[in-house]
Amino acid sequence: NSWTVARRTKAKAFAKNVLINQERKLEVRRRSDTALVLTINDANQRSAEVTQMTRRAASGKPKYLGSG
């Protein structure tokens, strides 16, 4: 009977480890998705700044960042 209990305990430990590993993978995926969104937003903002600088240069106004 103790063999059955030991086997059940090992099975529970294995299942718990599988669950923990799945949670870790999900967390890593969530973090990488967030980083990707931030990178895209950052790139869009920089692109908008470059467009503004280009327009100012074409109109002959000073090319300062942040001056509206």
PDB file of N, CA and C in Angstrom:
ATOM      1  N   ASN A   1       0.818  -1.198   0.000  1.00  0.00           N
ATOM      2  CA  ASN A   1       0.000   0.000   0.000  1.00  0.00           C
ATOM      3  C   ASN A   1       0.865   1.266   0.000  1.00  0.00           C
ATOM      4  N   SER A   2       2.010   1.212   0.668  1.00  0.00           N
ATOM      5  CA  SER A   2       2.893   2.387   0.702  1.00  0.00           C
ATOM      6  C   SER A   2       3.456   2.677  -0.698  1.00  0.00           C
ATOM      7  N   TRP A   3       3.582   1.619  -1.505  1.00  0.00           N
ATOM      8  CA  TRP A   3       4.058   1.807  -2.887  1.00  0.00           C
ATOM      9  C   TRP A   3       3.058   2.649  -3.678  1.00  0.00           C
ATOM     10  N   THR A   4       1.763   2.402  -3.482  1.00  0.00           N
ATOM     11  CA  THR A   4       0.708   3.155  -4.167  1.00  0.00           C
ATOM     12  C   THR A   4       0.731   4.615  -3.735  1.00  0.00           C
ATOM     13  N   VAL A   5       0.915   4.849  -2.446  1.00  0.00           N
ATOM     14  CA  VAL A   5       0.961   6.221  -1.923  1.00  0.00           C
ATOM     15  C   VAL A   5       2.171   6.957  -2.502  1.00  0.00           C
ATOM     16  N   ALA A   6       3.313   6.296  -2.536  1.00  0.00           N
ATOM     17  CA  ALA A   6       4.522   6.918  -3.082  1.00  0.00           C
ATOM     18  C   ALA A   6       4.337   7.240  -4.563  1.00  0.00           C
ATOM     19  N   ARG A   7       3.699   6.326  -5.275  1.00  0.00           N
ATOM     20  CA  ARG A   7       3.460   6.537  -6.707  1.00  0.00           C
ATOM     21  C   ARG A   7       2.512   7.721  -6.928  1.00  0.00           C
ATOM     22  N   ARG A   8       1.471   7.806  -6.097  1.00  0.00           N
ATOM     23  CA  ARG A   8       0.517   8.904  -6.191  1.00  0.00           C
ATOM     24  C   ARG A   8       1.207  10.240  -5.878  1.00  0.00           C
ATOM     25  N   THR A   9       2.071  10.244  -4.887  1.00  0.00           N
ATOM     26  CA  THR A   9       2.793  11.460  -4.506  1.00  0.00           C
ATOM     27  C   THR A   9       3.688  11.927  -5.647  1.00  0.00           C
ATOM     28  N   LYS A  10       4.373  10.987  -6.296  1.00  0.00           N
ATOM     29  CA  LYS A  10       5.226  11.343  -7.436  1.00  0.00           C
ATOM     30  C   LYS A  10       4.397  11.901  -8.586  1.00  0.00           C
ATOM     31  N   ALA A  11       3.240  11.307  -8.817  1.00  0.00           N
ATOM     32  CA  ALA A  11       2.366  11.774  -9.899  1.00  0.00           C
ATOM     33  C   ALA A  11       1.876  13.190  -9.616  1.00  0.00           C
ATOM     34  N   LYS A  12       1.532  13.466  -8.363  1.00  0.00           N
ATOM     35  CA  LYS A  12       1.084  14.813  -7.986  1.00  0.00           C
ATOM     36  C   LYS A  12       2.216  15.822  -8.165  1.00  0.00           C
ATOM     37  N   ALA A  13       3.416  15.445  -7.738  1.00  0.00           N
ATOM     38  CA  ALA A  13       4.568  16.339  -7.871  1.00  0.00           C
ATOM     39  C   ALA A  13       4.853  16.623  -9.339  1.00  0.00           C
ATOM     40  N   PHE A  14       4.761  15.592 -10.169  1.00  0.00           N
ATOM     41  CA  PHE A  14       4.989  15.766 -11.604  1.00  0.00           C
ATOM     42  C   PHE A  14       3.949  16.714 -12.199  1.00  0.00           C
ATOM     43  N   ALA A  15       2.677  16.491 -11.852  1.00  0.00           N
ATOM     44  CA  ALA A  15       1.601  17.346 -12.369  1.00  0.00           C
ATOM     45  C   ALA A  15       1.801  18.788 -11.920  1.00  0.00           C
ATOM     46  N   LYS A  16       2.226  18.975 -10.687  1.00  0.00           N
ATOM     47  CA  LYS A  16       2.463  20.329 -10.171  1.00  0.00           C
ATOM     48  C   LYS A  16       3.602  20.997 -10.937  1.00  0.00           C
ATOM     49  N   ASN A  17       4.675  20.255 -11.197  1.00  0.00           N
ATOM     50  CA  ASN A  17       5.800  20.805 -11.958  1.00  0.00           C
ATOM     51  C   ASN A  17       5.385  21.182 -13.374  1.00  0.00           C
ATOM     52  N   VAL A  18       4.557  20.355 -13.995  1.00  0.00           N
ATOM     53  CA  VAL A  18       4.065  20.653 -15.346  1.00  0.00           C
ATOM     54  C   VAL A  18       3.274  21.951 -15.326  1.00  0.00           C
ATOM     55  N   LEU A  19       2.399  22.100 -14.336  1.00  0.00           N
ATOM     56  CA  LEU A  19       1.583  23.309 -14.210  1.00  0.00           C
ATOM     57  C   LEU A  19       2.461  24.545 -13.994  1.00  0.00           C
ATOM     58  N   ILE A  20       3.456  24.427 -13.127  1.00  0.00           N
ATOM     59  CA  ILE A  20       4.362  25.553 -12.861  1.00  0.00           C
ATOM     60  C   ILE A  20       5.113  25.937 -14.132  1.00  0.00           C
ATOM     61  N   ASN A  21       5.592  24.951 -14.874  1.00  0.00           N
ATOM     62  CA  ASN A  21       6.304  25.241 -16.123  1.00  0.00           C
ATOM     63  C   ASN A  21       5.403  25.933 -17.137  1.00  0.00           C
ATOM     64  N   GLN A  22       4.145  25.503 -17.227  1.00  0.00           N
ATOM     65  CA  GLN A  22       3.202  26.141 -18.150  1.00  0.00           C
ATOM     66  C   GLN A  22       2.958  27.592 -17.750  1.00  0.00           C
ATOM     67  N   GLU A  23       2.821  27.846 -16.444  1.00  0.00           N
ATOM     68  CA  GLU A  23       2.611  29.213 -15.960  1.00  0.00           C
ATOM     69  C   GLU A  23       3.818  30.084 -16.283  1.00  0.00           C
ATOM     70  N   ARG A  24       5.018  29.535 -16.113  1.00  0.00           N
ATOM     71  CA  ARG A  24       6.237  30.297 -16.430  1.00  0.00           C
ATOM     72  C   ARG A  24       6.283  30.659 -17.909  1.00  0.00           C
ATOM     73  N   LYS A  25       5.958  29.694 -18.764  1.00  0.00           N
ATOM     74  CA  LYS A  25       5.965  29.954 -20.209  1.00  0.00           C
ATOM     75  C   LYS A  25       4.953  31.035 -20.565  1.00  0.00           C
ATOM     76  N   LEU A  26       3.769  30.984 -19.947  1.00  0.00           N
ATOM     77  CA  LEU A  26       2.749  32.006 -20.200  1.00  0.00           C
ATOM     78  C   LEU A  26       3.239  33.379 -19.764  1.00  0.00           C
ATOM     79  N   GLU A  27       3.898  33.438 -18.610  1.00  0.00           N
ATOM     80  CA  GLU A  27       4.400  34.714 -18.096  1.00  0.00           C
ATOM     81  C   GLU A  27       5.465  35.282 -19.024  1.00  0.00           C
ATOM     82  N   VAL A  28       6.358  34.440 -19.508  1.00  0.00           N
ATOM     83  CA  VAL A  28       7.393  34.894 -20.444  1.00  0.00           C
ATOM     84  C   VAL A  28       6.741  35.414 -21.714  1.00  0.00           C
ATOM     85  N   ARG A  29       5.736  34.702 -22.205  1.00  0.00           N
ATOM     86  CA  ARG A  29       5.034  35.126 -23.417  1.00  0.00           C
ATOM     87  C   ARG A  29       4.355  36.477 -23.195  1.00  0.00           C
ATOM     88  N   ARG A  30       3.721  36.646 -22.020  1.00  0.00           N
ATOM     89  CA  ARG A  30       3.064  37.920 -21.701  1.00  0.00           C
ATOM     90  C   ARG A  30       4.072  39.053 -21.686  1.00  0.00           C
ATOM     91  N   ARG A  31       5.239  38.796 -21.064  1.00  0.00           N
ATOM     92  CA  ARG A  31       6.271  39.837 -20.990  1.00  0.00           C
ATOM     93  C   ARG A  31       6.772  40.206 -22.372  1.00  0.00           C
ATOM     94  N   SER A  32       6.984  39.214 -23.223  1.00  0.00           N
ATOM     95  CA  SER A  32       7.502  39.521 -24.560  1.00  0.00           C
ATOM     96  C   SER A  32       6.458  40.250 -25.392  1.00  0.00           C
ATOM     97  N   ASP A  33       5.177  39.920 -25.212  1.00  0.00           N
ATOM     98  CA  ASP A  33       4.115  40.652 -25.908  1.00  0.00           C
ATOM     99  C   ASP A  33       4.095  42.107 -25.471  1.00  0.00           C
ATOM    100  N   THR A  34       4.242  42.344 -24.174  1.00  0.00           N
ATOM    101  CA  THR A  34       4.248  43.709 -23.651  1.00  0.00           C
ATOM    102  C   THR A  34       5.436  44.474 -24.203  1.00  0.00           C
ATOM    103  N   ALA A  35       6.609  43.848 -24.217  1.00  0.00           N
ATOM    104  CA  ALA A  35       7.799  44.519 -24.738  1.00  0.00           C
ATOM    105  C   ALA A  35       7.614  44.867 -26.206  1.00  0.00           C
ATOM    106  N   LEU A  36       6.988  43.988 -26.952  1.00  0.00           N
ATOM    107  CA  LEU A  36       6.756  44.235 -28.372  1.00  0.00           C
ATOM    108  C   LEU A  36       5.842  45.437 -28.565  1.00  0.00           C
ATOM    109  N   VAL A  37       4.785  45.527 -27.780  1.00  0.00           N
ATOM    110  CA  VAL A  37       3.856  46.660 -27.883  1.00  0.00           C
ATOM    111  C   VAL A  37       4.572  47.956 -27.551  1.00  0.00           C
ATOM    112  N   LEU A  38       5.373  47.957 -26.489  1.00  0.00           N
ATOM    113  CA  LEU A  38       6.105  49.161 -26.113  1.00  0.00           C
ATOM    114  C   LEU A  38       7.070  49.569 -27.220  1.00  0.00           C
ATOM    115  N   THR A  39       7.718  48.611 -27.826  1.00  0.00           N
ATOM    116  CA  THR A  39       8.662  48.905 -28.899  1.00  0.00           C
ATOM    117  C   THR A  39       7.946  49.520 -30.094  1.00  0.00           C
ATOM    118  N   ILE A  40       6.805  48.977 -30.455  1.00  0.00           N
ATOM    119  CA  ILE A  40       6.043  49.514 -31.584  1.00  0.00           C
ATOM    120  C   ILE A  40       5.583  50.933 -31.276  1.00  0.00           C
ATOM    121  N   ASN A  41       5.069  51.163 -30.066  1.00  0.00           N
ATOM    122  CA  ASN A  41       4.623  52.499 -29.683  1.00  0.00           C
ATOM    123  C   ASN A  41       5.783  53.483 -29.713  1.00  0.00           C
ATOM    124  N   ASP A  42       6.931  53.055 -29.216  1.00  0.00           N
ATOM    125  CA  ASP A  42       8.115  53.908 -29.205  1.00  0.00           C
ATOM    126  C   ASP A  42       8.532  54.245 -30.634  1.00  0.00           C
ATOM    127  N   ALA A  43       8.508  53.251 -31.505  1.00  0.00           N
ATOM    128  CA  ALA A  43       8.882  53.474 -32.905  1.00  0.00           C
ATOM    129  C   ALA A  43       7.903  54.434 -33.574  1.00  0.00           C
ATOM    130  N   ASN A  44       6.611  54.289 -33.295  1.00  0.00           N
ATOM    131  CA  ASN A  44       5.613  55.193 -33.868  1.00  0.00           C
ATOM    132  C   ASN A  44       5.840  56.624 -33.401  1.00  0.00           C
ATOM    133  N   GLN A  45       6.154  56.791 -32.123  1.00  0.00           N
ATOM    134  CA  GLN A  45       6.382  58.135 -31.590  1.00  0.00           C
ATOM    135  C   GLN A  45       7.625  58.753 -32.228  1.00  0.00           C
ATOM    136  N   ARG A  46       8.691  57.978 -32.341  1.00  0.00           N
ATOM    137  CA  ARG A  46       9.914  58.502 -32.961  1.00  0.00           C
ATOM    138  C   ARG A  46       9.667  58.864 -34.425  1.00  0.00           C
ATOM    139  N   SER A  47       8.872  58.056 -35.100  1.00  0.00           N
ATOM    140  CA  SER A  47       8.547  58.336 -36.493  1.00  0.00           C
ATOM    141  C   SER A  47       7.789  59.658 -36.598  1.00  0.00           C
ATOM    142  N   ALA A  48       6.862  59.896 -35.675  1.00  0.00           N
ATOM    143  CA  ALA A  48       6.099  61.147 -35.670  1.00  0.00           C
ATOM    144  C   ALA A  48       7.027  62.332 -35.418  1.00  0.00           C
ATOM    145  N   GLU A  49       8.013  62.162 -34.519  1.00  0.00           N
ATOM    146  CA  GLU A  49       8.962  63.247 -34.232  1.00  0.00           C
ATOM    147  C   GLU A  49       9.797  63.562 -35.465  1.00  0.00           C
ATOM    148  N   VAL A  50      10.237  62.538 -36.164  1.00  0.00           N
ATOM    149  CA  VAL A  50      11.040  62.744 -37.374  1.00  0.00           C
ATOM    150  C   VAL A  50      10.209  63.466 -38.428  1.00  0.00           C
ATOM    151  N   THR A  51       8.934  63.083 -38.553  1.00  0.00           N
ATOM    152  CA  THR A  51       8.049  63.747 -39.518  1.00  0.00           C
ATOM    153  C   THR A  51       7.904  65.222 -39.174  1.00  0.00           C
ATOM    154  N   GLN A  52       7.742  65.529 -37.888  1.00  0.00           N
ATOM    155  CA  GLN A  52       7.624  66.927 -37.466  1.00  0.00           C
ATOM    156  C   GLN A  52       8.903  67.688 -37.778  1.00  0.00           C
ATOM    157  N   MET A  53      10.051  67.071 -37.505  1.00  0.00           N
ATOM    158  CA  MET A  53      11.330  67.740 -37.782  1.00  0.00           C
ATOM    159  C   MET A  53      11.471  67.992 -39.280  1.00  0.00           C
ATOM    160  N   THR A  54      11.065  67.036 -40.086  1.00  0.00           N
ATOM    161  CA  THR A  54      11.176  67.178 -41.540  1.00  0.00           C
ATOM    162  C   THR A  54      10.287  68.316 -42.030  1.00  0.00           C
ATOM    163  N   ARG A  55       9.068  68.411 -41.500  1.00  0.00           N
ATOM    164  CA  ARG A  55       8.166  69.498 -41.896  1.00  0.00           C
ATOM    165  C   ARG A  55       8.748  70.854 -41.513  1.00  0.00           C
ATOM    166  N   ARG A  56       9.315  70.936 -40.313  1.00  0.00           N
ATOM    167  CA  ARG A  56       9.903  72.204 -39.870  1.00  0.00           C
ATOM    168  C   ARG A  56      11.082  72.587 -40.760  1.00  0.00           C
ATOM    169  N   ALA A  57      11.885  71.586 -41.121  1.00  0.00           N
ATOM    170  CA  ALA A  57      13.046  71.857 -41.968  1.00  0.00           C
ATOM    171  C   ALA A  57      12.582  72.365 -43.333  1.00  0.00           C
ATOM    172  N   ALA A  58      11.511  71.799 -43.841  1.00  0.00           N
ATOM    173  CA  ALA A  58      11.001  72.209 -45.150  1.00  0.00           C
ATOM    174  C   ALA A  58      10.429  73.622 -45.101  1.00  0.00           C
ATOM    175  N   SER A  59       9.881  74.011 -43.943  1.00  0.00           N
ATOM    176  CA  SER A  59       9.276  75.341 -43.844  1.00  0.00           C
ATOM    177  C   SER A  59      10.287  76.397 -43.409  1.00  0.00           C
ATOM    178  N   GLY A  60      11.505  75.985 -43.099  1.00  0.00           N
ATOM    179  CA  GLY A  60      12.545  76.933 -42.717  1.00  0.00           C
ATOM    180  C   GLY A  60      12.544  77.280 -41.238  1.00  0.00           C
ATOM    181  N   LYS A  61      11.716  76.630 -40.427  1.00  0.00           N
ATOM    182  CA  LYS A  61      11.677  76.887 -38.982  1.00  0.00           C
ATOM    183  C   LYS A  61      12.777  76.068 -38.312  1.00  0.00           C
ATOM    184  N   PRO A  62      13.184  76.467 -37.108  1.00  0.00           N
ATOM    185  CA  PRO A  62      14.219  75.696 -36.388  1.00  0.00           C
ATOM    186  C   PRO A  62      13.763  74.263 -36.133  1.00  0.00           C
ATOM    187  N   LYS A  63      14.725  73.336 -36.132  1.00  0.00           N
ATOM    188  CA  LYS A  63      14.419  71.909 -36.001  1.00  0.00           C
ATOM    189  C   LYS A  63      14.621  71.446 -34.558  1.00  0.00           C
ATOM    190  N   TYR A  64      13.884  71.962 -33.605  1.00  0.00           N
ATOM    191  CA  TYR A  64      14.030  71.545 -32.217  1.00  0.00           C
ATOM    192  C   TYR A  64      12.948  70.538 -31.868  1.00  0.00           C
ATOM    193  N   LEU A  65      13.358  69.490 -31.163  1.00  0.00           N
ATOM    194  CA  LEU A  65      12.380  68.498 -30.713  1.00  0.00           C
ATOM    195  C   LEU A  65      11.561  69.088 -29.575  1.00  0.00           C
ATOM    196  N   GLY A  66      10.308  68.792 -29.572  1.00  0.00           N
ATOM    197  CA  GLY A  66       9.464  69.200 -28.468  1.00  0.00           C
ATOM    198  C   GLY A  66       8.942  70.620 -28.567  1.00  0.00           C
ATOM    199  N   SER A  67       9.376  71.415 -29.513  1.00  0.00           N
ATOM    200  CA  SER A  67       8.821  72.764 -29.643  1.00  0.00           C
ATOM    201  C   SER A  67       7.654  72.688 -30.614  1.00  0.00           C
ATOM    202  N   GLY A  68       6.453  72.959 -30.107  1.00  0.00           N
ATOM    203  CA  GLY A  68       5.263  72.747 -30.906  1.00  0.00           C
ATOM    204  C   GLY A  68       4.974  73.890 -31.777  1.00  0.00           C
TER     205      GLY A  68
END
